[in-house]
Every structure is written in C-alpha cells, then in structure tokens.
C-alpha cells in the first residue's frame, strides 16, 4: 500500500510532549565576553531524533511592529548555538551551548532559537502520520547595567503599566489594593519588554497597584494610583 506522510511543526511554550524535552526554554545572557548557557535536550522516544536549530532575531519586541528575522548570514551572527545539528538515539541527552557575541549593549537584545526535528524514514506497510514537534527557546542578552523600570501611565480612563527600563519585566501578577480593603487580582500578566506597556484597563478607587515579577530581578513592586 502507498505511504502517506504529514509533518506538523508546533511551537510550544512549555516542554511537555514526549517527542523531545528541554531542561529550560528561557535563557538569560549578558554582554560580557564568553557569556554562555546550555540547554539540555532529551529524546525519550523509541525512534532516533534528528535535530537541527534555527536562530531568529526579534526586532522591536513587544511593539506593534515586532518582527522575527531568521539569521542566516554568518556576518550577522551575534548568538551562536553549538552544535547546529545533532542526532539523538533513544534516551540520549545532548547539551546545546548558547553563546552571545553582543558587546556594550544599551538595551536588551531578544532572540528565539528553534529546535526542530527532521523527519526520518517511516517503516510501515500502512498509511502513516508522523507528527514532529518543534520547541522554541527565548533568549535574552542583557546589558551589564540592565534593569527594568515600571511606571503607571494614565491615558484617558485607561491605566497602563509601562517599562521605561532597558530590559524586560516578566509580570506574574498585578493586584489593585484600595486603602482599608483587600487587594483584588486584575487578572493581567505578561512580559513587558523595554519601552513597551501592558494595559490594565479602567482602575478606579485610588490606592495602589501591587506588581509581582519573576526572573533574575523578580520581586514585589507597589505603585501609587494617586
């Protein structure tokens, strides 16, 4: 009988599928010489995993004109991934090293690195469907003096949380705390890149905004609505 082959590539936010697992999907580097980190990939599948990588530079992250540009010209490589390709047998682990060549940054650089499986031969006498799941890691290269700077900005009846700093802020939770009452979760969260903002909607009643951030500089920040 004839064979049928379908390839499906899905970019996932978390490493949960059995085809491949990553020990981390967010990497922080800096602009110092030889700044590097590793991502360890495991193949828990019974079949051999043929893997290749792709590097994308993220221009204007978090802005309406955000663009992801695949880096293919060796002259433009400021983030290196080694190895670029690998073969993992069943149960094998492979360490992929990420190294930044960025120097003297004034603002954070953002990259996305895709780990994409390549199809091997399907051995079957019946029609077959093979699903390949690609994972994408988010890589931040930050200046030595990098810091986020969150500020409340009002535009009409809408409040926005703006990042005036030069690195991103990963906001896990935002609460509105009125004087003399308990804090209410605004159900707003997300990553705020440098010079971008997060809409909080209409927030009335005064008081303050309590912000919980995570990551290397994570903590609690309180900003007045007055």
N, C-alpha and C. Protein backbone atom coordinates (compact mmCIF):
# COMPACT_ATOMS: atom_id res chain seq x y z
N UNK A 1 0.84 -1.19 0.00
CA UNK A 1 0.00 0.00 0.00
C UNK A 1 0.88 1.25 0.00
N UNK A 2 0.35 2.36 -0.52
CA UNK A 2 1.12 3.59 -0.57
C UNK A 2 1.25 4.20 0.82
N UNK A 3 2.29 4.97 0.98
CA UNK A 3 2.54 5.61 2.27
C UNK A 3 2.09 7.06 2.22
N UNK A 4 1.65 7.54 3.37
CA UNK A 4 1.24 8.94 3.47
C UNK A 4 2.03 9.56 4.62
N UNK A 5 2.64 10.70 4.37
CA UNK A 5 3.47 11.34 5.37
C UNK A 5 3.02 12.78 5.57
N UNK A 6 2.73 13.13 6.80
CA UNK A 6 2.36 14.51 7.11
C UNK A 6 3.28 15.01 8.20
N UNK A 7 3.80 16.22 8.03
CA UNK A 7 4.69 16.81 9.01
C UNK A 7 3.99 18.01 9.63
N UNK A 8 3.95 18.04 10.94
CA UNK A 8 3.30 19.13 11.64
C UNK A 8 4.31 19.71 12.62
N UNK A 9 4.63 21.01 12.48
CA UNK A 9 5.55 21.66 13.39
C UNK A 9 4.76 22.61 14.29
N UNK A 10 4.90 22.43 15.59
CA UNK A 10 4.17 23.24 16.55
C UNK A 10 5.16 23.86 17.52
N UNK A 11 5.10 25.20 17.70
CA UNK A 11 5.96 25.87 18.67
C UNK A 11 5.23 25.92 20.00
N UNK A 12 5.83 25.30 21.01
CA UNK A 12 5.20 25.19 22.31
C UNK A 12 5.85 26.12 23.32
N UNK A 13 5.05 26.59 24.30
CA UNK A 13 5.59 27.44 25.35
C UNK A 13 6.26 26.62 26.45
N UNK A 14 5.86 25.36 26.61
CA UNK A 14 6.43 24.53 27.66
C UNK A 14 6.78 23.15 27.09
N UNK A 15 7.90 22.54 27.56
CA UNK A 15 8.34 21.24 27.05
C UNK A 15 7.55 20.09 27.65
N UNK A 16 6.38 19.71 27.04
CA UNK A 16 5.52 18.70 27.62
C UNK A 16 5.28 17.51 26.71
N UNK A 17 5.68 17.56 25.44
CA UNK A 17 5.42 16.45 24.54
C UNK A 17 6.55 15.45 24.60
N UNK A 18 6.22 14.18 24.37
CA UNK A 18 7.18 13.09 24.54
C UNK A 18 8.24 13.05 23.46
N UNK A 19 8.02 13.70 22.32
CA UNK A 19 8.97 13.61 21.22
C UNK A 19 10.33 14.20 21.57
N UNK A 20 10.35 15.16 22.47
CA UNK A 20 11.58 15.84 22.83
C UNK A 20 11.33 16.62 24.12
N UNK A 21 12.32 16.73 25.00
CA UNK A 21 12.14 17.54 26.20
C UNK A 21 13.36 18.43 26.40
N UNK A 22 13.12 19.65 26.87
CA UNK A 22 14.17 20.62 27.13
C UNK A 22 14.22 20.92 28.62
N UNK A 23 15.42 21.11 29.17
CA UNK A 23 15.51 21.40 30.60
C UNK A 23 15.17 22.85 30.91
N UNK A 24 15.17 23.73 29.88
CA UNK A 24 14.75 25.12 30.06
C UNK A 24 14.37 25.70 28.70
N UNK A 25 13.49 26.69 28.71
CA UNK A 25 13.09 27.34 27.46
C UNK A 25 13.29 28.85 27.52
N UNK A 26 13.82 29.35 28.65
CA UNK A 26 14.16 30.77 28.77
C UNK A 26 15.61 30.86 29.25
N UNK A 27 16.41 31.63 28.53
CA UNK A 27 17.83 31.76 28.84
C UNK A 27 18.18 33.25 28.96
N UNK A 28 18.92 33.59 30.02
CA UNK A 28 19.41 34.96 30.21
C UNK A 28 20.93 34.97 30.05
N UNK A 29 21.42 35.81 29.13
CA UNK A 29 22.84 36.02 28.94
C UNK A 29 23.14 37.50 29.14
N UNK A 30 24.42 37.86 29.19
CA UNK A 30 24.77 39.29 29.27
C UNK A 30 25.77 39.63 28.18
N UNK A 31 26.19 40.88 28.15
CA UNK A 31 27.06 41.33 27.06
C UNK A 31 28.55 41.27 27.43
N UNK A 32 28.90 40.46 28.43
CA UNK A 32 30.30 40.27 28.79
C UNK A 32 30.92 39.21 27.89
N UNK A 33 32.25 39.20 27.74
CA UNK A 33 32.90 38.20 26.88
C UNK A 33 32.61 36.77 27.33
N UNK A 34 32.33 35.93 26.37
CA UNK A 34 32.10 34.50 26.60
C UNK A 34 30.87 34.20 27.46
N UNK A 35 29.88 35.09 27.44
CA UNK A 35 28.64 34.81 28.14
C UNK A 35 27.95 33.62 27.48
N UNK A 36 27.59 32.61 28.27
CA UNK A 36 27.04 31.39 27.68
C UNK A 36 26.14 30.67 28.67
N UNK A 37 25.33 29.79 28.14
CA UNK A 37 24.48 28.90 28.94
C UNK A 37 24.16 27.70 28.08
N UNK A 38 23.66 26.64 28.71
CA UNK A 38 23.37 25.40 27.99
C UNK A 38 21.90 25.04 28.11
N UNK A 39 21.36 24.45 27.05
CA UNK A 39 20.05 23.82 27.07
C UNK A 39 20.27 22.33 26.81
N UNK A 40 19.76 21.50 27.70
CA UNK A 40 19.91 20.05 27.56
C UNK A 40 18.62 19.47 26.98
N UNK A 41 18.76 18.77 25.87
CA UNK A 41 17.62 18.16 25.20
C UNK A 41 17.70 16.65 25.36
N UNK A 42 16.57 16.03 25.68
CA UNK A 42 16.48 14.58 25.86
C UNK A 42 15.51 13.99 24.85
N UNK A 43 15.86 12.85 24.31
CA UNK A 43 14.98 12.13 23.40
C UNK A 43 14.41 10.91 24.13
N UNK A 44 13.16 11.00 24.63
CA UNK A 44 12.55 9.88 25.34
C UNK A 44 11.84 8.91 24.40
N UNK A 45 11.83 9.24 23.10
CA UNK A 45 11.09 8.44 22.13
C UNK A 45 11.88 7.19 21.75
N UNK A 46 11.20 6.21 21.18
CA UNK A 46 11.85 4.99 20.76
C UNK A 46 12.64 5.18 19.47
N UNK A 47 12.27 6.19 18.69
CA UNK A 47 12.95 6.42 17.42
C UNK A 47 14.09 7.41 17.56
N UNK A 48 15.07 7.31 16.70
CA UNK A 48 16.18 8.25 16.67
C UNK A 48 15.68 9.64 16.32
N UNK A 49 16.18 10.65 17.01
CA UNK A 49 15.77 12.04 16.80
C UNK A 49 16.85 12.77 16.01
N UNK A 50 16.48 13.28 14.84
CA UNK A 50 17.38 14.09 14.02
C UNK A 50 16.97 15.54 14.23
N UNK A 51 17.89 16.34 14.76
CA UNK A 51 17.54 17.66 15.23
C UNK A 51 18.40 18.73 14.56
N UNK A 52 17.77 19.86 14.21
CA UNK A 52 18.51 21.00 13.72
C UNK A 52 17.99 22.27 14.38
N UNK A 53 18.83 23.31 14.37
CA UNK A 53 18.48 24.55 15.06
C UNK A 53 18.33 25.70 14.07
N UNK A 54 17.53 26.67 14.45
CA UNK A 54 17.36 27.91 13.69
C UNK A 54 17.36 29.07 14.67
N UNK A 55 18.04 30.16 14.30
CA UNK A 55 18.14 31.34 15.16
C UNK A 55 17.35 32.49 14.55
N UNK A 56 16.49 33.11 15.37
CA UNK A 56 15.71 34.26 14.94
C UNK A 56 16.03 35.45 15.83
N UNK A 57 16.29 36.60 15.23
CA UNK A 57 16.45 37.85 15.96
C UNK A 57 15.08 38.51 16.05
N UNK A 58 14.72 38.97 17.24
CA UNK A 58 13.43 39.63 17.43
C UNK A 58 13.65 41.14 17.46
N UNK A 59 13.18 41.80 16.42
CA UNK A 59 13.29 43.27 16.34
C UNK A 59 12.05 43.91 16.94
N UNK A 60 12.23 44.99 17.70
CA UNK A 60 11.13 45.73 18.32
C UNK A 60 10.21 44.81 19.14
N UNK A 61 10.77 44.02 20.06
CA UNK A 61 9.94 43.07 20.83
C UNK A 61 8.86 43.78 21.64
N UNK A 62 7.66 43.21 21.62
CA UNK A 62 6.55 43.75 22.37
C UNK A 62 5.86 44.94 21.74
N UNK A 63 6.36 45.41 20.60
CA UNK A 63 5.78 46.57 19.93
C UNK A 63 4.87 46.11 18.78
N UNK A 64 3.98 46.98 18.30
CA UNK A 64 3.10 46.59 17.19
C UNK A 64 3.85 46.15 15.94
N UNK A 65 5.06 46.70 15.74
CA UNK A 65 5.83 46.33 14.55
C UNK A 65 6.91 45.28 14.86
N UNK A 66 6.67 44.46 15.89
CA UNK A 66 7.61 43.39 16.22
C UNK A 66 7.84 42.49 15.01
N UNK A 67 9.09 42.11 14.79
CA UNK A 67 9.43 41.27 13.64
C UNK A 67 10.45 40.23 14.06
N UNK A 68 10.25 38.99 13.59
CA UNK A 68 11.21 37.92 13.85
C UNK A 68 11.95 37.62 12.55
N UNK A 69 13.25 37.81 12.59
CA UNK A 69 14.08 37.69 11.39
C UNK A 69 15.03 36.51 11.58
N UNK A 70 14.94 35.54 10.69
CA UNK A 70 15.85 34.41 10.79
C UNK A 70 17.26 34.86 10.40
N UNK A 71 18.24 34.51 11.22
CA UNK A 71 19.62 34.90 10.98
C UNK A 71 20.31 33.78 10.20
N UNK A 72 20.71 34.08 8.96
CA UNK A 72 21.35 33.09 8.10
C UNK A 72 22.72 33.55 7.61
N UNK A 73 22.98 34.86 7.63
CA UNK A 73 24.25 35.41 7.18
C UNK A 73 25.27 35.30 8.32
N UNK A 74 26.39 34.58 8.13
CA UNK A 74 27.39 34.44 9.20
C UNK A 74 27.87 35.76 9.76
N UNK A 75 27.86 36.83 8.94
CA UNK A 75 28.30 38.14 9.40
C UNK A 75 27.34 38.74 10.42
N UNK A 76 26.11 38.25 10.46
CA UNK A 76 25.10 38.79 11.37
C UNK A 76 24.93 37.96 12.64
N UNK A 77 25.70 36.88 12.77
CA UNK A 77 25.54 36.01 13.93
C UNK A 77 26.12 36.68 15.17
N UNK A 78 25.23 37.05 16.10
CA UNK A 78 25.63 37.58 17.40
C UNK A 78 25.27 36.60 18.52
N UNK A 79 24.55 35.56 18.14
CA UNK A 79 24.23 34.48 19.07
C UNK A 79 24.61 33.17 18.39
N UNK A 80 25.44 32.38 19.04
CA UNK A 80 25.89 31.12 18.48
C UNK A 80 25.25 29.96 19.23
N UNK A 81 24.87 28.93 18.48
CA UNK A 81 24.33 27.70 19.06
C UNK A 81 25.17 26.54 18.57
N UNK A 82 25.69 25.77 19.51
CA UNK A 82 26.56 24.65 19.15
C UNK A 82 26.18 23.40 19.95
N UNK A 83 25.93 22.27 19.23
CA UNK A 83 26.02 22.11 17.77
C UNK A 83 24.79 22.68 17.07
N UNK A 84 24.91 22.90 15.76
CA UNK A 84 23.77 23.38 14.97
C UNK A 84 22.84 22.23 14.61
N UNK A 85 23.40 21.02 14.55
CA UNK A 85 22.62 19.82 14.25
C UNK A 85 23.08 18.70 15.17
N UNK A 86 22.19 17.74 15.41
CA UNK A 86 22.55 16.62 16.28
C UNK A 86 21.65 15.42 15.98
N UNK A 87 22.14 14.25 16.35
CA UNK A 87 21.38 13.01 16.25
C UNK A 87 21.33 12.40 17.64
N UNK A 88 20.12 12.18 18.16
CA UNK A 88 19.94 11.62 19.50
C UNK A 88 19.24 10.27 19.40
N UNK A 89 19.86 9.26 19.93
CA UNK A 89 19.24 7.95 19.98
C UNK A 89 18.26 7.89 21.15
N UNK A 90 17.56 6.77 21.30
CA UNK A 90 16.55 6.64 22.35
C UNK A 90 17.17 6.88 23.74
N UNK A 91 16.57 7.79 24.50
CA UNK A 91 17.03 8.07 25.86
C UNK A 91 18.27 8.93 25.95
N UNK A 92 18.83 9.34 24.84
CA UNK A 92 20.07 10.11 24.86
C UNK A 92 19.81 11.58 25.18
N UNK A 93 20.79 12.20 25.87
CA UNK A 93 20.73 13.62 26.17
C UNK A 93 21.84 14.34 25.41
N UNK A 94 21.53 15.57 24.98
CA UNK A 94 22.52 16.36 24.25
C UNK A 94 22.52 17.78 24.78
N UNK A 95 23.71 18.30 25.04
CA UNK A 95 23.86 19.65 25.55
C UNK A 95 24.11 20.62 24.39
N UNK A 96 23.25 21.62 24.25
CA UNK A 96 23.40 22.66 23.24
C UNK A 96 23.88 23.93 23.93
N UNK A 97 25.02 24.44 23.51
CA UNK A 97 25.57 25.64 24.13
C UNK A 97 25.16 26.89 23.37
N UNK A 98 24.66 27.88 24.10
CA UNK A 98 24.30 29.18 23.54
C UNK A 98 25.31 30.20 24.03
N UNK A 99 25.95 30.91 23.12
CA UNK A 99 26.96 31.89 23.48
C UNK A 99 26.70 33.20 22.74
N UNK A 100 26.75 34.31 23.50
CA UNK A 100 26.48 35.62 22.92
C UNK A 100 27.78 36.31 22.53
N UNK A 101 27.73 36.99 21.38
CA UNK A 101 28.84 37.83 20.92
C UNK A 101 28.50 39.31 21.05
N UNK A 102 27.36 39.62 21.65
CA UNK A 102 26.95 41.01 21.82
C UNK A 102 27.87 41.69 22.84
N UNK A 103 28.23 42.95 22.57
CA UNK A 103 29.09 43.71 23.46
C UNK A 103 28.59 45.15 23.60
N UNK A 104 28.75 45.72 24.79
CA UNK A 104 28.43 47.12 25.02
C UNK A 104 26.99 47.50 24.73
N UNK A 105 26.05 46.66 25.11
CA UNK A 105 24.65 46.95 24.83
C UNK A 105 24.12 48.08 25.71
N UNK A 106 23.21 48.85 25.14
CA UNK A 106 22.49 49.85 25.91
C UNK A 106 21.06 49.39 26.18
N UNK A 107 20.61 48.39 25.44
CA UNK A 107 19.27 47.83 25.62
C UNK A 107 19.31 46.34 25.29
N UNK A 108 18.47 45.61 25.95
CA UNK A 108 18.40 44.16 25.80
C UNK A 108 18.16 43.72 24.35
N UNK A 109 18.83 42.65 23.95
CA UNK A 109 18.58 42.01 22.66
C UNK A 109 17.80 40.72 22.90
N UNK A 110 16.85 40.44 22.01
CA UNK A 110 15.99 39.28 22.17
C UNK A 110 16.14 38.36 20.97
N UNK A 111 16.28 37.06 21.26
CA UNK A 111 16.39 36.04 20.22
C UNK A 111 15.44 34.90 20.53
N UNK A 112 15.09 34.16 19.49
CA UNK A 112 14.36 32.90 19.65
C UNK A 112 15.14 31.82 18.90
N UNK A 113 15.37 30.71 19.58
CA UNK A 113 16.11 29.60 18.98
C UNK A 113 15.16 28.41 18.86
N UNK A 114 14.96 27.95 17.64
CA UNK A 114 14.08 26.81 17.38
C UNK A 114 14.89 25.53 17.30
N UNK A 115 14.43 24.52 18.04
CA UNK A 115 14.99 23.18 17.97
C UNK A 115 13.97 22.33 17.20
N UNK A 116 14.32 22.02 15.97
CA UNK A 116 13.35 21.43 15.04
C UNK A 116 13.76 20.02 14.64
N UNK A 117 12.90 19.02 14.91
CA UNK A 117 13.21 17.67 14.46
C UNK A 117 13.07 17.54 12.95
N UNK A 118 13.91 16.72 12.37
CA UNK A 118 13.88 16.45 10.93
C UNK A 118 13.38 15.03 10.73
N UNK A 119 12.50 14.83 9.75
CA UNK A 119 11.86 13.53 9.59
C UNK A 119 12.86 12.47 9.13
N UNK A 120 12.70 11.29 9.72
CA UNK A 120 13.44 10.12 9.26
C UNK A 120 12.51 9.20 8.48
N UNK A 121 12.98 8.05 8.11
CA UNK A 121 12.17 7.13 7.32
C UNK A 121 11.06 6.52 8.16
N UNK A 122 9.88 6.43 7.58
CA UNK A 122 8.76 5.76 8.23
C UNK A 122 8.68 4.33 7.70
N UNK A 123 8.83 3.37 8.61
CA UNK A 123 8.80 1.97 8.22
C UNK A 123 7.42 1.39 8.53
N UNK A 124 6.57 1.33 7.51
CA UNK A 124 5.21 0.84 7.70
C UNK A 124 4.63 0.43 6.36
N UNK A 125 3.79 -0.63 6.40
CA UNK A 125 3.09 -1.06 5.20
C UNK A 125 1.72 -0.41 5.10
N UNK A 126 1.41 0.45 6.06
CA UNK A 126 0.11 1.10 6.10
C UNK A 126 0.31 2.61 6.01
N UNK A 127 -0.78 3.34 5.65
CA UNK A 127 -0.69 4.79 5.66
C UNK A 127 -0.24 5.28 7.04
N UNK A 128 0.70 6.23 7.08
CA UNK A 128 1.29 6.65 8.35
C UNK A 128 1.25 8.17 8.50
N UNK A 129 1.03 8.61 9.71
CA UNK A 129 1.07 10.03 10.05
C UNK A 129 2.15 10.22 11.10
N UNK A 130 3.12 11.07 10.82
CA UNK A 130 4.19 11.33 11.77
C UNK A 130 4.15 12.80 12.18
N UNK A 131 4.04 13.04 13.47
CA UNK A 131 3.95 14.39 14.00
C UNK A 131 5.30 14.79 14.58
N UNK A 132 5.85 15.89 14.09
CA UNK A 132 7.12 16.41 14.59
C UNK A 132 6.85 17.69 15.35
N UNK A 133 7.31 17.74 16.58
CA UNK A 133 7.05 18.89 17.44
C UNK A 133 8.33 19.69 17.64
N UNK A 134 8.33 20.94 17.22
CA UNK A 134 9.49 21.81 17.39
C UNK A 134 9.30 22.68 18.63
N UNK A 135 10.39 22.92 19.35
CA UNK A 135 10.36 23.76 20.53
C UNK A 135 11.17 25.03 20.26
N UNK A 136 10.76 26.11 20.89
CA UNK A 136 11.45 27.38 20.69
C UNK A 136 11.84 27.96 22.05
N UNK A 137 13.13 28.26 22.20
CA UNK A 137 13.64 28.86 23.43
C UNK A 137 13.74 30.37 23.26
N UNK A 138 13.43 31.10 24.32
CA UNK A 138 13.50 32.55 24.33
C UNK A 138 14.82 32.95 25.00
N UNK A 139 15.63 33.74 24.29
CA UNK A 139 16.96 34.10 24.77
C UNK A 139 17.07 35.61 24.91
N UNK A 140 17.46 36.06 26.11
CA UNK A 140 17.67 37.48 26.36
C UNK A 140 19.15 37.74 26.58
N UNK A 141 19.70 38.69 25.82
CA UNK A 141 21.08 39.15 26.04
C UNK A 141 20.97 40.56 26.60
N UNK A 142 21.43 40.74 27.84
CA UNK A 142 21.16 41.98 28.56
C UNK A 142 22.44 42.77 28.84
N UNK A 143 22.33 44.11 28.85
CA UNK A 143 23.49 44.93 29.19
C UNK A 143 23.88 44.76 30.64
N UNK A 144 25.15 45.04 30.94
CA UNK A 144 25.66 44.88 32.30
C UNK A 144 24.86 45.70 33.30
N UNK A 145 24.45 46.88 32.91
CA UNK A 145 23.67 47.76 33.78
C UNK A 145 22.18 47.65 33.51
N UNK A 146 21.74 46.49 33.05
CA UNK A 146 20.34 46.31 32.68
C UNK A 146 19.40 46.30 33.88
N UNK A 147 18.24 46.94 33.72
CA UNK A 147 17.22 46.95 34.76
C UNK A 147 15.90 47.39 34.13
N UNK A 148 14.81 46.81 34.62
CA UNK A 148 13.51 47.30 34.17
C UNK A 148 13.07 48.43 35.09
N UNK A 149 12.18 49.27 34.59
CA UNK A 149 11.69 50.43 35.34
C UNK A 149 10.21 50.58 35.03
N UNK A 150 9.36 50.06 35.92
CA UNK A 150 7.92 50.05 35.69
C UNK A 150 7.27 51.30 36.24
N UNK A 151 6.38 51.88 35.44
CA UNK A 151 5.71 53.11 35.83
C UNK A 151 4.26 53.07 35.37
N UNK A 152 3.36 53.67 36.15
CA UNK A 152 1.96 53.75 35.77
C UNK A 152 1.72 54.99 34.92
N UNK A 153 1.01 54.79 33.81
CA UNK A 153 0.69 55.88 32.90
C UNK A 153 -0.81 55.85 32.64
N UNK A 154 -1.46 57.02 32.74
CA UNK A 154 -2.90 57.09 32.50
C UNK A 154 -3.18 57.73 31.16
N UNK A 155 -4.01 57.05 30.37
CA UNK A 155 -4.45 57.57 29.08
C UNK A 155 -5.96 57.57 29.07
N UNK A 156 -6.55 58.72 29.36
CA UNK A 156 -8.00 58.79 29.50
C UNK A 156 -8.44 58.03 30.74
N UNK A 157 -9.34 57.06 30.57
CA UNK A 157 -9.79 56.24 31.70
C UNK A 157 -8.98 54.96 31.85
N UNK A 158 -8.00 54.76 30.99
CA UNK A 158 -7.22 53.53 30.96
C UNK A 158 -5.86 53.73 31.61
N UNK A 159 -5.50 52.80 32.47
CA UNK A 159 -4.17 52.79 33.06
C UNK A 159 -3.30 51.79 32.33
N UNK A 160 -2.03 52.15 32.15
CA UNK A 160 -1.07 51.25 31.53
C UNK A 160 0.16 51.13 32.42
N UNK A 161 0.74 49.95 32.41
CA UNK A 161 1.99 49.72 33.11
C UNK A 161 3.10 49.72 32.07
N UNK A 162 3.93 50.77 32.11
CA UNK A 162 4.95 50.94 31.08
C UNK A 162 6.34 50.64 31.63
N UNK A 163 7.17 50.01 30.79
CA UNK A 163 8.53 49.68 31.16
C UNK A 163 9.48 50.72 30.55
N UNK A 164 10.00 51.59 31.39
CA UNK A 164 10.91 52.64 30.94
C UNK A 164 12.37 52.20 31.01
N UNK A 165 12.61 50.96 31.41
CA UNK A 165 13.97 50.46 31.54
C UNK A 165 14.54 49.93 30.24
N UNK A 166 15.65 49.18 30.36
CA UNK A 166 16.31 48.67 29.15
C UNK A 166 16.35 47.15 29.07
N UNK A 167 15.61 46.46 29.97
CA UNK A 167 15.43 45.02 29.87
C UNK A 167 13.97 44.70 30.17
N UNK A 168 13.54 43.49 29.85
CA UNK A 168 12.14 43.12 30.03
C UNK A 168 11.81 42.85 31.50
N UNK A 169 10.52 42.97 31.81
CA UNK A 169 9.99 42.60 33.12
C UNK A 169 8.94 41.52 32.92
N UNK A 170 9.10 40.38 33.59
CA UNK A 170 8.15 39.29 33.48
C UNK A 170 7.15 39.42 34.63
N UNK A 171 5.98 39.95 34.33
CA UNK A 171 4.97 40.24 35.36
C UNK A 171 4.07 39.02 35.56
N UNK A 172 4.13 38.47 36.77
CA UNK A 172 3.35 37.27 37.09
C UNK A 172 1.95 37.60 37.59
N UNK A 173 1.82 38.71 38.32
CA UNK A 173 0.51 39.06 38.89
C UNK A 173 0.45 40.56 39.16
N UNK A 174 -0.75 41.13 38.95
CA UNK A 174 -1.00 42.54 39.25
C UNK A 174 -2.28 42.62 40.08
N UNK A 175 -2.20 43.33 41.21
CA UNK A 175 -3.36 43.49 42.09
C UNK A 175 -3.62 44.97 42.34
N UNK A 176 -4.91 45.27 42.52
CA UNK A 176 -5.31 46.63 42.90
C UNK A 176 -5.62 46.62 44.39
N UNK A 177 -4.89 47.43 45.15
CA UNK A 177 -5.05 47.46 46.60
C UNK A 177 -5.65 48.80 47.02
N UNK A 178 -6.92 48.80 47.36
CA UNK A 178 -7.57 50.02 47.85
C UNK A 178 -7.24 50.21 49.32
N UNK A 179 -7.24 51.45 49.76
CA UNK A 179 -6.97 51.76 51.16
C UNK A 179 -8.03 51.14 52.05
N UNK A 180 -7.60 50.36 53.04
CA UNK A 180 -8.52 49.76 54.00
C UNK A 180 -9.26 48.54 53.50
N UNK A 181 -8.87 47.99 52.35
CA UNK A 181 -9.55 46.79 51.85
C UNK A 181 -8.52 45.82 51.29
N UNK A 182 -8.97 44.61 51.01
CA UNK A 182 -8.07 43.60 50.48
C UNK A 182 -7.73 43.89 49.02
N UNK A 183 -6.61 43.34 48.58
CA UNK A 183 -6.18 43.53 47.19
C UNK A 183 -6.98 42.63 46.27
N UNK A 184 -7.32 43.14 45.08
CA UNK A 184 -8.08 42.37 44.09
C UNK A 184 -7.19 42.11 42.88
N UNK A 185 -7.17 40.86 42.46
CA UNK A 185 -6.37 40.47 41.30
C UNK A 185 -6.99 41.07 40.04
N UNK A 186 -6.17 41.77 39.24
CA UNK A 186 -6.67 42.36 37.99
C UNK A 186 -6.66 41.36 36.84
N UNK A 187 -6.16 40.18 37.07
CA UNK A 187 -6.11 39.14 36.03
C UNK A 187 -5.38 39.64 34.78
N UNK A 188 -4.29 40.36 35.00
CA UNK A 188 -3.46 40.86 33.92
C UNK A 188 -2.02 40.46 34.21
N UNK A 189 -1.36 39.89 33.24
CA UNK A 189 0.03 39.49 33.43
C UNK A 189 0.69 39.35 32.06
N UNK A 190 2.00 39.22 32.06
CA UNK A 190 2.71 39.06 30.79
C UNK A 190 4.08 39.71 30.85
N UNK A 191 4.82 39.51 29.81
CA UNK A 191 6.17 40.06 29.73
C UNK A 191 6.11 41.46 29.10
N UNK A 192 6.71 42.43 29.78
CA UNK A 192 6.74 43.80 29.28
C UNK A 192 8.16 44.10 28.83
N UNK A 193 8.35 44.21 27.53
CA UNK A 193 9.68 44.49 27.00
C UNK A 193 10.02 45.96 27.20
N UNK A 194 11.30 46.28 27.05
CA UNK A 194 11.75 47.66 27.20
C UNK A 194 10.99 48.58 26.26
N UNK A 195 10.49 49.68 26.79
CA UNK A 195 9.76 50.72 26.06
C UNK A 195 8.35 50.30 25.63
N UNK A 196 7.89 49.13 26.07
CA UNK A 196 6.52 48.71 25.75
C UNK A 196 5.67 48.77 27.02
N UNK A 197 4.38 48.46 26.90
CA UNK A 197 3.49 48.60 28.05
C UNK A 197 2.45 47.49 28.08
N UNK A 198 1.78 47.40 29.22
CA UNK A 198 0.73 46.41 29.43
C UNK A 198 -0.53 47.14 29.88
N UNK A 199 -1.65 46.91 29.19
CA UNK A 199 -2.90 47.58 29.54
C UNK A 199 -3.50 46.98 30.81
N UNK A 200 -3.87 47.85 31.74
CA UNK A 200 -4.53 47.40 32.97
C UNK A 200 -6.03 47.63 32.92
N UNK A 201 -6.51 48.39 31.95
CA UNK A 201 -7.93 48.71 31.86
C UNK A 201 -8.30 49.85 32.79
N UNK A 202 -9.58 49.98 33.09
CA UNK A 202 -10.05 51.02 33.99
C UNK A 202 -9.86 50.57 35.43
N UNK A 203 -9.13 51.35 36.19
CA UNK A 203 -8.89 51.04 37.61
C UNK A 203 -9.31 52.26 38.42
N UNK A 204 -10.38 52.14 39.18
CA UNK A 204 -10.92 53.27 39.94
C UNK A 204 -10.83 52.98 41.43
N UNK A 205 -10.93 54.04 42.20
CA UNK A 205 -10.95 53.87 43.65
C UNK A 205 -9.65 54.21 44.34
N UNK A 206 -8.68 54.70 43.59
CA UNK A 206 -7.42 55.09 44.21
C UNK A 206 -6.63 53.91 44.74
N UNK A 207 -5.79 54.18 45.75
CA UNK A 207 -4.97 53.12 46.32
C UNK A 207 -3.68 52.93 45.54
N UNK A 208 -3.28 51.67 45.39
CA UNK A 208 -2.03 51.38 44.70
C UNK A 208 -2.11 50.09 43.91
N UNK A 209 -1.16 49.92 43.02
CA UNK A 209 -1.04 48.71 42.22
C UNK A 209 0.14 47.89 42.76
N UNK A 210 -0.13 46.63 43.09
CA UNK A 210 0.90 45.72 43.59
C UNK A 210 1.31 44.78 42.45
N UNK A 211 2.59 44.77 42.13
CA UNK A 211 3.09 44.02 40.97
C UNK A 211 4.08 42.96 41.43
N UNK A 212 3.83 41.72 41.03
CA UNK A 212 4.75 40.62 41.33
C UNK A 212 5.48 40.24 40.04
N UNK A 213 6.80 40.37 40.04
CA UNK A 213 7.59 39.99 38.86
C UNK A 213 8.43 38.77 39.18
N UNK A 214 8.86 38.07 38.12
CA UNK A 214 9.71 36.90 38.30
C UNK A 214 10.92 37.00 37.38
N UNK A 215 11.85 36.09 37.52
CA UNK A 215 13.07 36.16 36.73
C UNK A 215 14.24 36.57 37.61
N UNK A 216 15.39 36.88 37.00
CA UNK A 216 16.60 37.22 37.77
C UNK A 216 16.40 38.39 38.72
N UNK A 217 15.58 39.37 38.34
CA UNK A 217 15.35 40.55 39.18
C UNK A 217 13.93 40.55 39.73
N UNK A 218 13.36 39.39 39.93
CA UNK A 218 11.98 39.30 40.37
C UNK A 218 11.76 39.82 41.79
N UNK A 219 10.55 40.30 42.04
CA UNK A 219 10.21 40.82 43.37
C UNK A 219 8.85 41.45 43.35
N UNK A 220 8.54 42.21 44.41
CA UNK A 220 7.25 42.88 44.56
C UNK A 220 7.46 44.39 44.47
N UNK A 221 6.62 45.04 43.65
CA UNK A 221 6.70 46.48 43.46
C UNK A 221 5.31 47.07 43.69
N UNK A 222 5.25 48.20 44.39
CA UNK A 222 3.99 48.89 44.66
C UNK A 222 4.05 50.29 44.04
N UNK A 223 3.03 50.63 43.24
CA UNK A 223 2.96 51.93 42.60
C UNK A 223 1.64 52.60 42.94
N UNK A 224 1.70 53.88 43.30
CA UNK A 224 0.51 54.61 43.72
C UNK A 224 -0.33 55.02 42.50
N UNK A 225 -1.66 54.97 42.67
CA UNK A 225 -2.59 55.41 41.63
C UNK A 225 -2.96 56.88 41.79
N UNK A 226 -2.46 57.50 42.81
CA UNK A 226 -2.82 58.92 43.06
C UNK A 226 -2.11 59.83 42.06
